[in-house]
Amino acid sequence: MAKTLTSEALESLAAEIGENIYIDIAKWHLYLREAHLHTVLAEQLYPLLVSGAITENQVLPILQGISVQVGGGKREIPLLDLLPVRCQVQLMDILEEFQRQMD
């Protein structure tokens, strides 16, 4: 039962991230759902939500650690470098709201 709740919560978090957070490339917005990055990000953030109050100092290294391949894999750029500041703020809002709902 707990695994189902965790799985559902993880899927819900991934969906929320995928629908609202995007990378900006030459003023084109590619939502993380479309880039297939929403689940990877949610899987790394979820343990932080379960462990207690989440902070930006915990989230930024995770964003830095997720590499996004560009140019057919010629280069990799940290997800953090592709997210506009507005999306970083919105991600924190999503995580804080998600954590409130978990309590």
PDB file of N, CA and C in Angstrom:
ATOM      1  N   MET A   1       0.823  -1.196   0.000  1.00  0.00           N
ATOM      2  CA  MET A   1       0.000   0.000   0.000  1.00  0.00           C
ATOM      3  C   MET A   1       0.866   1.259   0.000  1.00  0.00           C
ATOM      4  N   ALA A   2       1.900   1.288   0.842  1.00  0.00           N
ATOM      5  CA  ALA A   2       2.767   2.464   0.910  1.00  0.00           C
ATOM      6  C   ALA A   2       3.468   2.689  -0.418  1.00  0.00           C
ATOM      7  N   LYS A   3       3.872   1.603  -1.078  1.00  0.00           N
ATOM      8  CA  LYS A   3       4.545   1.730  -2.365  1.00  0.00           C
ATOM      9  C   LYS A   3       3.614   2.368  -3.396  1.00  0.00           C
ATOM     10  N   THR A   4       2.329   1.995  -3.369  1.00  0.00           N
ATOM     11  CA  THR A   4       1.355   2.573  -4.293  1.00  0.00           C
ATOM     12  C   THR A   4       1.205   4.061  -4.025  1.00  0.00           C
ATOM     13  N   LEU A   5       1.117   4.447  -2.760  1.00  0.00           N
ATOM     14  CA  LEU A   5       0.993   5.865  -2.425  1.00  0.00           C
ATOM     15  C   LEU A   5       2.229   6.627  -2.877  1.00  0.00           C
ATOM     16  N   THR A   6       3.404   6.042  -2.652  1.00  0.00           N
ATOM     17  CA  THR A   6       4.645   6.679  -3.077  1.00  0.00           C
ATOM     18  C   THR A   6       4.676   6.814  -4.596  1.00  0.00           C
ATOM     19  N   SER A   7       4.290   5.763  -5.282  1.00  0.00           N
ATOM     20  CA  SER A   7       4.282   5.770  -6.742  1.00  0.00           C
ATOM     21  C   SER A   7       3.308   6.821  -7.271  1.00  0.00           C
ATOM     22  N   GLU A   8       2.136   6.879  -6.675  1.00  0.00           N
ATOM     23  CA  GLU A   8       1.136   7.875  -7.087  1.00  0.00           C
ATOM     24  C   GLU A   8       1.629   9.291  -6.818  1.00  0.00           C
ATOM     25  N   ALA A   9       2.237   9.492  -5.657  1.00  0.00           N
ATOM     26  CA  ALA A   9       2.757  10.813  -5.305  1.00  0.00           C
ATOM     27  C   ALA A   9       3.872  11.224  -6.255  1.00  0.00           C
ATOM     28  N   LEU A  10       4.753  10.284  -6.571  1.00  0.00           N
ATOM     29  CA  LEU A  10       5.849  10.555  -7.493  1.00  0.00           C
ATOM     30  C   LEU A  10       5.317  10.908  -8.881  1.00  0.00           C
ATOM     31  N   GLU A  11       4.333  10.159  -9.353  1.00  0.00           N
ATOM     32  CA  GLU A  11       3.726  10.441 -10.657  1.00  0.00           C
ATOM     33  C   GLU A  11       3.036  11.806 -10.663  1.00  0.00           C
ATOM     34  N   SER A  12       2.381  12.124  -9.569  1.00  0.00           N
ATOM     35  CA  SER A  12       1.710  13.419  -9.448  1.00  0.00           C
ATOM     36  C   SER A  12       2.720  14.569  -9.477  1.00  0.00           C
ATOM     37  N   LEU A  13       3.815  14.401  -8.748  1.00  0.00           N
ATOM     38  CA  LEU A  13       4.866  15.416  -8.736  1.00  0.00           C
ATOM     39  C   LEU A  13       5.475  15.565 -10.124  1.00  0.00           C
ATOM     40  N   ALA A  14       5.768  14.451 -10.769  1.00  0.00           N
ATOM     41  CA  ALA A  14       6.347  14.488 -12.121  1.00  0.00           C
ATOM     42  C   ALA A  14       5.405  15.191 -13.088  1.00  0.00           C
ATOM     43  N   ALA A  15       4.110  14.914 -12.988  1.00  0.00           N
ATOM     44  CA  ALA A  15       3.135  15.549 -13.877  1.00  0.00           C
ATOM     45  C   ALA A  15       3.093  17.059 -13.652  1.00  0.00           C
ATOM     46  N   GLU A  16       3.105  17.464 -12.403  1.00  0.00           N
ATOM     47  CA  GLU A  16       3.077  18.892 -12.071  1.00  0.00           C
ATOM     48  C   GLU A  16       4.317  19.605 -12.611  1.00  0.00           C
ATOM     49  N   ILE A  17       5.458  18.987 -12.431  1.00  0.00           N
ATOM     50  CA  ILE A  17       6.707  19.557 -12.950  1.00  0.00           C
ATOM     51  C   ILE A  17       6.669  19.609 -14.475  1.00  0.00           C
ATOM     52  N   GLY A  18       6.256  18.516 -15.083  1.00  0.00           N
ATOM     53  CA  GLY A  18       6.245  18.418 -16.541  1.00  0.00           C
ATOM     54  C   GLY A  18       5.345  19.410 -17.227  1.00  0.00           C
ATOM     55  N   GLU A  19       4.252  19.775 -16.581  1.00  0.00           N
ATOM     56  CA  GLU A  19       3.287  20.693 -17.170  1.00  0.00           C
ATOM     57  C   GLU A  19       3.634  22.160 -16.946  1.00  0.00           C
ATOM     58  N   ASN A  20       4.462  22.449 -15.947  1.00  0.00           N
ATOM     59  CA  ASN A  20       4.679  23.847 -15.566  1.00  0.00           C
ATOM     60  C   ASN A  20       6.108  24.351 -15.708  1.00  0.00           C
ATOM     61  N   ILE A  21       7.069  23.462 -15.784  1.00  0.00           N
ATOM     62  CA  ILE A  21       8.471  23.876 -15.820  1.00  0.00           C
ATOM     63  C   ILE A  21       9.033  23.598 -17.214  1.00  0.00           C
ATOM     64  N   TYR A  22       9.753  24.565 -17.738  1.00  0.00           N
ATOM     65  CA  TYR A  22      10.293  24.418 -19.088  1.00  0.00           C
ATOM     66  C   TYR A  22      11.743  24.881 -19.157  1.00  0.00           C
ATOM     67  N   ILE A  23      12.429  24.381 -20.172  1.00  0.00           N
ATOM     68  CA  ILE A  23      13.752  24.897 -20.488  1.00  0.00           C
ATOM     69  C   ILE A  23      13.574  25.912 -21.601  1.00  0.00           C
ATOM     70  N   ASP A  24      14.414  26.897 -21.602  1.00  0.00           N
ATOM     71  CA  ASP A  24      14.333  27.982 -22.576  1.00  0.00           C
ATOM     72  C   ASP A  24      15.554  27.904 -23.485  1.00  0.00           C
ATOM     73  N   ILE A  25      15.294  27.661 -24.753  1.00  0.00           N
ATOM     74  CA  ILE A  25      16.367  27.612 -25.742  1.00  0.00           C
ATOM     75  C   ILE A  25      15.988  28.568 -26.867  1.00  0.00           C
ATOM     76  N   ALA A  26      16.757  29.639 -27.005  1.00  0.00           N
ATOM     77  CA  ALA A  26      16.510  30.659 -28.031  1.00  0.00           C
ATOM     78  C   ALA A  26      15.056  31.147 -27.979  1.00  0.00           C
ATOM     79  N   LYS A  27      14.569  31.369 -26.747  1.00  0.00           N
ATOM     80  CA  LYS A  27      13.216  31.859 -26.470  1.00  0.00           C
ATOM     81  C   LYS A  27      12.126  30.855 -26.828  1.00  0.00           C
ATOM     82  N   TRP A  28      12.499  29.609 -27.076  1.00  0.00           N
ATOM     83  CA  TRP A  28      11.535  28.529 -27.260  1.00  0.00           C
ATOM     84  C   TRP A  28      11.390  27.844 -25.914  1.00  0.00           C
ATOM     85  N   HIS A  29      10.160  27.560 -25.537  1.00  0.00           N
ATOM     86  CA  HIS A  29       9.898  26.897 -24.269  1.00  0.00           C
ATOM     87  C   HIS A  29       9.627  25.421 -24.523  1.00  0.00           C
ATOM     88  N   LEU A  30      10.487  24.585 -24.002  1.00  0.00           N
ATOM     89  CA  LEU A  30      10.321  23.143 -24.100  1.00  0.00           C
ATOM     90  C   LEU A  30      10.022  22.637 -22.689  1.00  0.00           C
ATOM     91  N   TYR A  31       8.764  22.239 -22.493  1.00  0.00           N
ATOM     92  CA  TYR A  31       8.352  21.776 -21.172  1.00  0.00           C
ATOM     93  C   TYR A  31       9.042  20.466 -20.839  1.00  0.00           C
ATOM     94  N   LEU A  32       9.345  20.287 -19.566  1.00  0.00           N
ATOM     95  CA  LEU A  32      10.111  19.120 -19.151  1.00  0.00           C
ATOM     96  C   LEU A  32       9.400  17.813 -19.488  1.00  0.00           C
ATOM     97  N   ARG A  33       8.082  17.829 -19.551  1.00  0.00           N
ATOM     98  CA  ARG A  33       7.334  16.639 -19.968  1.00  0.00           C
ATOM     99  C   ARG A  33       7.718  16.265 -21.399  1.00  0.00           C
ATOM    100  N   GLU A  34       7.777  17.254 -22.264  1.00  0.00           N
ATOM    101  CA  GLU A  34       8.107  17.026 -23.670  1.00  0.00           C
ATOM    102  C   GLU A  34       9.564  16.627 -23.846  1.00  0.00           C
ATOM    103  N   ALA A  35      10.411  17.096 -22.957  1.00  0.00           N
ATOM    104  CA  ALA A  35      11.843  16.776 -23.018  1.00  0.00           C
ATOM    105  C   ALA A  35      12.162  15.472 -22.275  1.00  0.00           C
ATOM    106  N   HIS A  36      11.130  14.844 -21.708  1.00  0.00           N
ATOM    107  CA  HIS A  36      11.279  13.601 -20.955  1.00  0.00           C
ATOM    108  C   HIS A  36      12.238  13.756 -19.773  1.00  0.00           C
ATOM    109  N   LEU A  37      12.161  14.913 -19.123  1.00  0.00           N
ATOM    110  CA  LEU A  37      13.006  15.185 -17.964  1.00  0.00           C
ATOM    111  C   LEU A  37      12.209  15.280 -16.664  1.00  0.00           C
ATOM    112  N   HIS A  38      10.877  15.331 -16.763  1.00  0.00           N
ATOM    113  CA  HIS A  38      10.048  15.545 -15.584  1.00  0.00           C
ATOM    114  C   HIS A  38      10.129  14.390 -14.583  1.00  0.00           C
ATOM    115  N   THR A  39      10.159  13.163 -15.058  1.00  0.00           N
ATOM    116  CA  THR A  39      10.208  12.018 -14.150  1.00  0.00           C
ATOM    117  C   THR A  39      11.574  11.905 -13.484  1.00  0.00           C
ATOM    118  N   VAL A  40      12.627  12.109 -14.253  1.00  0.00           N
ATOM    119  CA  VAL A  40      13.986  12.072 -13.700  1.00  0.00           C
ATOM    120  C   VAL A  40      14.124  13.095 -12.583  1.00  0.00           C
ATOM    121  N   LEU A  41      13.632  14.288 -12.829  1.00  0.00           N
ATOM    122  CA  LEU A  41      13.724  15.347 -11.824  1.00  0.00           C
ATOM    123  C   LEU A  41      12.874  15.005 -10.598  1.00  0.00           C
ATOM    124  N   ALA A  42      11.657  14.554 -10.817  1.00  0.00           N
ATOM    125  CA  ALA A  42      10.769  14.206  -9.699  1.00  0.00           C
ATOM    126  C   ALA A  42      11.372  13.095  -8.844  1.00  0.00           C
ATOM    127  N   GLU A  43      11.984  12.095  -9.488  1.00  0.00           N
ATOM    128  CA  GLU A  43      12.589  10.984  -8.746  1.00  0.00           C
ATOM    129  C   GLU A  43      13.726  11.461  -7.844  1.00  0.00           C
ATOM    130  N   GLN A  44      14.429  12.477  -8.264  1.00  0.00           N
ATOM    131  CA  GLN A  44      15.536  12.984  -7.449  1.00  0.00           C
ATOM    132  C   GLN A  44      15.060  13.952  -6.368  1.00  0.00           C
ATOM    133  N   LEU A  45      13.956  14.647  -6.617  1.00  0.00           N
ATOM    134  CA  LEU A  45      13.447  15.623  -5.654  1.00  0.00           C
ATOM    135  C   LEU A  45      12.550  14.991  -4.590  1.00  0.00           C
ATOM    136  N   TYR A  46      11.851  13.941  -4.942  1.00  0.00           N
ATOM    137  CA  TYR A  46      10.879  13.336  -4.027  1.00  0.00           C
ATOM    138  C   TYR A  46      11.477  12.962  -2.665  1.00  0.00           C
ATOM    139  N   PRO A  47      12.645  12.328  -2.617  1.00  0.00           N
ATOM    140  CA  PRO A  47      13.213  11.998  -1.300  1.00  0.00           C
ATOM    141  C   PRO A  47      13.425  13.229  -0.404  1.00  0.00           C
ATOM    142  N   LEU A  48      13.728  14.356  -1.003  1.00  0.00           N
ATOM    143  CA  LEU A  48      13.883  15.581  -0.213  1.00  0.00           C
ATOM    144  C   LEU A  48      12.559  16.011   0.395  1.00  0.00           C
ATOM    145  N   LEU A  49      11.479  15.837  -0.362  1.00  0.00           N
ATOM    146  CA  LEU A  49      10.156  16.219   0.129  1.00  0.00           C
ATOM    147  C   LEU A  49       9.742  15.354   1.313  1.00  0.00           C
ATOM    148  N   VAL A  50      10.092  14.096   1.261  1.00  0.00           N
ATOM    149  CA  VAL A  50       9.732  13.158   2.317  1.00  0.00           C
ATOM    150  C   VAL A  50      10.550  13.407   3.580  1.00  0.00           C
ATOM    151  N   SER A  51      11.804  13.830   3.403  1.00  0.00           N
ATOM    152  CA  SER A  51      12.716  13.965   4.536  1.00  0.00           C
ATOM    153  C   SER A  51      12.511  15.230   5.369  1.00  0.00           C
ATOM    154  N   GLY A  52      11.794  16.208   4.865  1.00  0.00           N
ATOM    155  CA  GLY A  52      11.566  17.424   5.639  1.00  0.00           C
ATOM    156  C   GLY A  52      11.478  18.644   4.754  1.00  0.00           C
ATOM    157  N   ALA A  53      11.610  19.806   5.362  1.00  0.00           N
ATOM    158  CA  ALA A  53      11.492  21.068   4.635  1.00  0.00           C
ATOM    159  C   ALA A  53      12.541  21.148   3.527  1.00  0.00           C
ATOM    160  N   ILE A  54      12.095  21.454   2.343  1.00  0.00           N
ATOM    161  CA  ILE A  54      12.974  21.515   1.178  1.00  0.00           C
ATOM    162  C   ILE A  54      13.455  22.958   0.995  1.00  0.00           C
ATOM    163  N   THR A  55      14.718  23.086   0.624  1.00  0.00           N
ATOM    164  CA  THR A  55      15.284  24.422   0.419  1.00  0.00           C
ATOM    165  C   THR A  55      15.888  24.523  -0.982  1.00  0.00           C
ATOM    166  N   GLU A  56      16.074  25.738  -1.398  1.00  0.00           N
ATOM    167  CA  GLU A  56      16.696  25.995  -2.695  1.00  0.00           C
ATOM    168  C   GLU A  56      18.120  25.435  -2.734  1.00  0.00           C
ATOM    169  N   ASN A  57      18.807  25.496  -1.594  1.00  0.00           N
ATOM    170  CA  ASN A  57      20.174  24.972  -1.523  1.00  0.00           C
ATOM    171  C   ASN A  57      20.236  23.467  -1.738  1.00  0.00           C
ATOM    172  N   GLN A  58      19.134  22.767  -1.516  1.00  0.00           N
ATOM    173  CA  GLN A  58      19.075  21.335  -1.792  1.00  0.00           C
ATOM    174  C   GLN A  58      18.713  21.067  -3.247  1.00  0.00           C
ATOM    175  N   VAL A  59      17.888  21.929  -3.819  1.00  0.00           N
ATOM    176  CA  VAL A  59      17.365  21.723  -5.173  1.00  0.00           C
ATOM    177  C   VAL A  59      18.394  22.091  -6.243  1.00  0.00           C
ATOM    178  N   LEU A  60      19.113  23.174  -6.045  1.00  0.00           N
ATOM    179  CA  LEU A  60      20.056  23.634  -7.072  1.00  0.00           C
ATOM    180  C   LEU A  60      21.111  22.597  -7.461  1.00  0.00           C
ATOM    181  N   PRO A  61      21.718  21.878  -6.508  1.00  0.00           N
ATOM    182  CA  PRO A  61      22.685  20.854  -6.920  1.00  0.00           C
ATOM    183  C   PRO A  61      22.049  19.726  -7.743  1.00  0.00           C
ATOM    184  N   ILE A  62      20.805  19.423  -7.466  1.00  0.00           N
ATOM    185  CA  ILE A  62      20.106  18.397  -8.254  1.00  0.00           C
ATOM    186  C   ILE A  62      19.924  18.887  -9.682  1.00  0.00           C
ATOM    187  N   LEU A  63      19.494  20.141  -9.834  1.00  0.00           N
ATOM    188  CA  LEU A  63      19.335  20.713 -11.174  1.00  0.00           C
ATOM    189  C   LEU A  63      20.677  20.781 -11.897  1.00  0.00           C
ATOM    190  N   GLN A  64      21.726  21.072 -11.173  1.00  0.00           N
ATOM    191  CA  GLN A  64      23.066  21.139 -11.755  1.00  0.00           C
ATOM    192  C   GLN A  64      23.540  19.754 -12.186  1.00  0.00           C
ATOM    193  N   GLY A  65      23.122  18.736 -11.465  1.00  0.00           N
ATOM    194  CA  GLY A  65      23.594  17.381 -11.722  1.00  0.00           C
ATOM    195  C   GLY A  65      22.873  16.645 -12.847  1.00  0.00           C
ATOM    196  N   ILE A  66      21.753  17.177 -13.305  1.00  0.00           N
ATOM    197  CA  ILE A  66      21.030  16.538 -14.409  1.00  0.00           C
ATOM    198  C   ILE A  66      21.525  17.137 -15.711  1.00  0.00           C
ATOM    199  N   SER A  67      22.125  16.303 -16.544  1.00  0.00           N
ATOM    200  CA  SER A  67      22.683  16.760 -17.815  1.00  0.00           C
ATOM    201  C   SER A  67      21.664  16.588 -18.935  1.00  0.00           C
ATOM    202  N   VAL A  68      21.577  17.610 -19.775  1.00  0.00           N
ATOM    203  CA  VAL A  68      20.684  17.579 -20.923  1.00  0.00           C
ATOM    204  C   VAL A  68      21.559  17.531 -22.168  1.00  0.00           C
ATOM    205  N   GLN A  69      21.372  16.498 -22.959  1.00  0.00           N
ATOM    206  CA  GLN A  69      22.152  16.362 -24.183  1.00  0.00           C
ATOM    207  C   GLN A  69      21.579  17.282 -25.256  1.00  0.00           C
ATOM    208  N   VAL A  70      22.457  17.974 -25.950  1.00  0.00           N
ATOM    209  CA  VAL A  70      22.062  18.830 -27.074  1.00  0.00           C
ATOM    210  C   VAL A  70      22.944  18.488 -28.271  1.00  0.00           C
ATOM    211  N   GLY A  71      22.455  18.843 -29.437  1.00  0.00           N
ATOM    212  CA  GLY A  71      23.232  18.595 -30.651  1.00  0.00           C
ATOM    213  C   GLY A  71      23.451  17.118 -30.902  1.00  0.00           C
ATOM    214  N   GLY A  72      22.418  16.319 -30.632  1.00  0.00           N
ATOM    215  CA  GLY A  72      22.553  14.887 -30.861  1.00  0.00           C
ATOM    216  C   GLY A  72      23.545  14.222 -29.938  1.00  0.00           C
ATOM    217  N   GLY A  73      23.751  14.817 -28.769  1.00  0.00           N
ATOM    218  CA  GLY A  73      24.670  14.245 -27.792  1.00  0.00           C
ATOM    219  C   GLY A  73      26.087  14.791 -27.873  1.00  0.00           C
ATOM    220  N   LYS A  74      26.305  15.775 -28.759  1.00  0.00           N
ATOM    221  CA  LYS A  74      27.642  16.365 -28.873  1.00  0.00           C
ATOM    222  C   LYS A  74      28.057  17.092 -27.600  1.00  0.00           C
ATOM    223  N   ARG A  75      27.051  17.673 -26.920  1.00  0.00           N
ATOM    224  CA  ARG A  75      27.321  18.428 -25.691  1.00  0.00           C
ATOM    225  C   ARG A  75      26.288  18.066 -24.654  1.00  0.00           C
ATOM    226  N   GLU A  76      26.641  18.294 -23.427  1.00  0.00           N
ATOM    227  CA  GLU A  76      25.712  18.150 -22.316  1.00  0.00           C
ATOM    228  C   GLU A  76      25.734  19.449 -21.515  1.00  0.00           C
ATOM    229  N   ILE A  77      24.540  19.912 -21.189  1.00  0.00           N
ATOM    230  CA  ILE A  77      24.392  21.166 -20.444  1.00  0.00           C
ATOM    231  C   ILE A  77      23.586  20.861 -19.186  1.00  0.00           C
ATOM    232  N   PRO A  78      24.016  21.359 -18.036  1.00  0.00           N
ATOM    233  CA  PRO A  78      23.237  21.135 -16.812  1.00  0.00           C
ATOM    234  C   PRO A  78      21.833  21.734 -16.940  1.00  0.00           C
ATOM    235  N   LEU A  79      20.851  21.007 -16.445  1.00  0.00           N
ATOM    236  CA  LEU A  79      19.470  21.479 -16.488  1.00  0.00           C
ATOM    237  C   LEU A  79      19.348  22.864 -15.858  1.00  0.00           C
ATOM    238  N   LEU A  80      20.085  23.108 -14.811  1.00  0.00           N
ATOM    239  CA  LEU A  80      20.051  24.403 -14.136  1.00  0.00           C
ATOM    240  C   LEU A  80      20.331  25.553 -15.105  1.00  0.00           C
ATOM    241  N   ASP A  81      21.257  25.348 -16.035  1.00  0.00           N
ATOM    242  CA  ASP A  81      21.627  26.399 -16.980  1.00  0.00           C
ATOM    243  C   ASP A  81      20.558  26.652 -18.038  1.00  0.00           C
ATOM    244  N   LEU A  82      19.624  25.731 -18.201  1.00  0.00           N
ATOM    245  CA  LEU A  82      18.584  25.873 -19.221  1.00  0.00           C
ATOM    246  C   LEU A  82      17.259  26.377 -18.660  1.00  0.00           C
ATOM    247  N   LEU A  83      17.134  26.374 -17.340  1.00  0.00           N
ATOM    248  CA  LEU A  83      15.891  26.835 -16.708  1.00  0.00           C
ATOM    249  C   LEU A  83      15.944  28.331 -16.451  1.00  0.00           C
ATOM    250  N   PRO A  84      14.954  29.077 -16.934  1.00  0.00           N
ATOM    251  CA  PRO A  84      14.894  30.496 -16.574  1.00  0.00           C
ATOM    252  C   PRO A  84      14.676  30.639 -15.064  1.00  0.00           C
ATOM    253  N   VAL A  85      15.085  31.740 -14.507  1.00  0.00           N
ATOM    254  CA  VAL A  85      14.925  31.988 -13.073  1.00  0.00           C
ATOM    255  C   VAL A  85      13.460  31.852 -12.685  1.00  0.00           C
ATOM    256  N   ARG A  86      12.587  32.332 -13.529  1.00  0.00           N
ATOM    257  CA  ARG A  86      11.146  32.242 -13.257  1.00  0.00           C
ATOM    258  C   ARG A  86      10.713  30.789 -13.043  1.00  0.00           C
ATOM    259  N   CYS A  87      11.262  29.879 -13.827  1.00  0.00           N
ATOM    260  CA  CYS A  87      10.924  28.463 -13.682  1.00  0.00           C
ATOM    261  C   CYS A  87      11.543  27.862 -12.425  1.00  0.00           C
ATOM    262  N   GLN A  88      12.705  28.347 -12.050  1.00  0.00           N
ATOM    263  CA  GLN A  88      13.319  27.879 -10.807  1.00  0.00           C
ATOM    264  C   GLN A  88      12.450  28.270  -9.615  1.00  0.00           C
ATOM    265  N   VAL A  89      11.945  29.488  -9.635  1.00  0.00           N
ATOM    266  CA  VAL A  89      11.061  29.961  -8.568  1.00  0.00           C
ATOM    267  C   VAL A  89       9.764  29.152  -8.578  1.00  0.00           C
ATOM    268  N   GLN A  90       9.219  28.933  -9.752  1.00  0.00           N
ATOM    269  CA  GLN A  90       7.981  28.174  -9.869  1.00  0.00           C
ATOM    270  C   GLN A  90       8.185  26.725  -9.404  1.00  0.00           C
ATOM    271  N   LEU A  91       9.330  26.144  -9.700  1.00  0.00           N
ATOM    272  CA  LEU A  91       9.632  24.795  -9.234  1.00  0.00           C
ATOM    273  C   LEU A  91       9.634  24.756  -7.710  1.00  0.00           C
ATOM    274  N   MET A  92      10.249  25.727  -7.085  1.00  0.00           N
ATOM    275  CA  MET A  92      10.259  25.778  -5.616  1.00  0.00           C
ATOM    276  C   MET A  92       8.834  25.913  -5.078  1.00  0.00           C
ATOM    277  N   ASP A  93       8.015  26.723  -5.729  1.00  0.00           N
ATOM    278  CA  ASP A  93       6.613  26.870  -5.313  1.00  0.00           C
ATOM    279  C   ASP A  93       5.878  25.536  -5.411  1.00  0.00           C
ATOM    280  N   ILE A  94       6.098  24.824  -6.511  1.00  0.00           N
ATOM    281  CA  ILE A  94       5.465  23.508  -6.704  1.00  0.00           C
ATOM    282  C   ILE A  94       5.904  22.548  -5.606  1.00  0.00           C
ATOM    283  N   LEU A  95       7.196  22.531  -5.314  1.00  0.00           N
ATOM    284  CA  LEU A  95       7.713  21.622  -4.301  1.00  0.00           C
ATOM    285  C   LEU A  95       7.179  21.960  -2.913  1.00  0.00           C
ATOM    286  N   GLU A  96       7.115  23.235  -2.587  1.00  0.00           N
ATOM    287  CA  GLU A  96       6.603  23.650  -1.280  1.00  0.00           C
ATOM    288  C   GLU A  96       5.122  23.298  -1.143  1.00  0.00           C
ATOM    289  N   GLU A  97       4.357  23.520  -2.206  1.00  0.00           N
ATOM    290  CA  GLU A  97       2.921  23.179  -2.174  1.00  0.00           C
ATOM    291  C   GLU A  97       2.737  21.668  -2.068  1.00  0.00           C
ATOM    292  N   PHE A  98       3.517  20.938  -2.819  1.00  0.00           N
ATOM    293  CA  PHE A  98       3.447  19.479  -2.792  1.00  0.00           C
ATOM    294  C   PHE A  98       3.757  18.967  -1.387  1.00  0.00           C
ATOM    295  N   GLN A  99       4.762  19.559  -0.759  1.00  0.00           N
ATOM    296  CA  GLN A  99       5.147  19.145   0.586  1.00  0.00           C
ATOM    297  C   GLN A  99       4.026  19.457   1.591  1.00  0.00           C
ATOM    298  N   ARG A 100       3.377  20.599   1.443  1.00  0.00           N
ATOM    299  CA  ARG A 100       2.256  20.952   2.321  1.00  0.00           C
ATOM    300  C   ARG A 100       1.142  19.925   2.200  1.00  0.00           C
ATOM    301  N   GLN A 101       0.881  19.492   0.984  1.00  0.00           N
ATOM    302  CA  GLN A 101      -0.190  18.510   0.761  1.00  0.00           C
ATOM    303  C   GLN A 101       0.164  17.145   1.338  1.00  0.00           C
ATOM    304  N   MET A 102       1.452  16.849   1.432  1.00  0.00           N
ATOM    305  CA  MET A 102       1.897  15.563   1.988  1.00  0.00           C
ATOM    306  C   MET A 102       1.711  15.519   3.502  1.00  0.00           C
ATOM    307  N   ASP A 103       1.798  16.679   4.141  1.00  0.00           N
ATOM    308  CA  ASP A 103       1.708  16.728   5.626  1.00  0.00           C
ATOM    309  C   ASP A 103       0.317  16.488   6.129  1.00  0.00           C
TER     310      ASP A 103
END
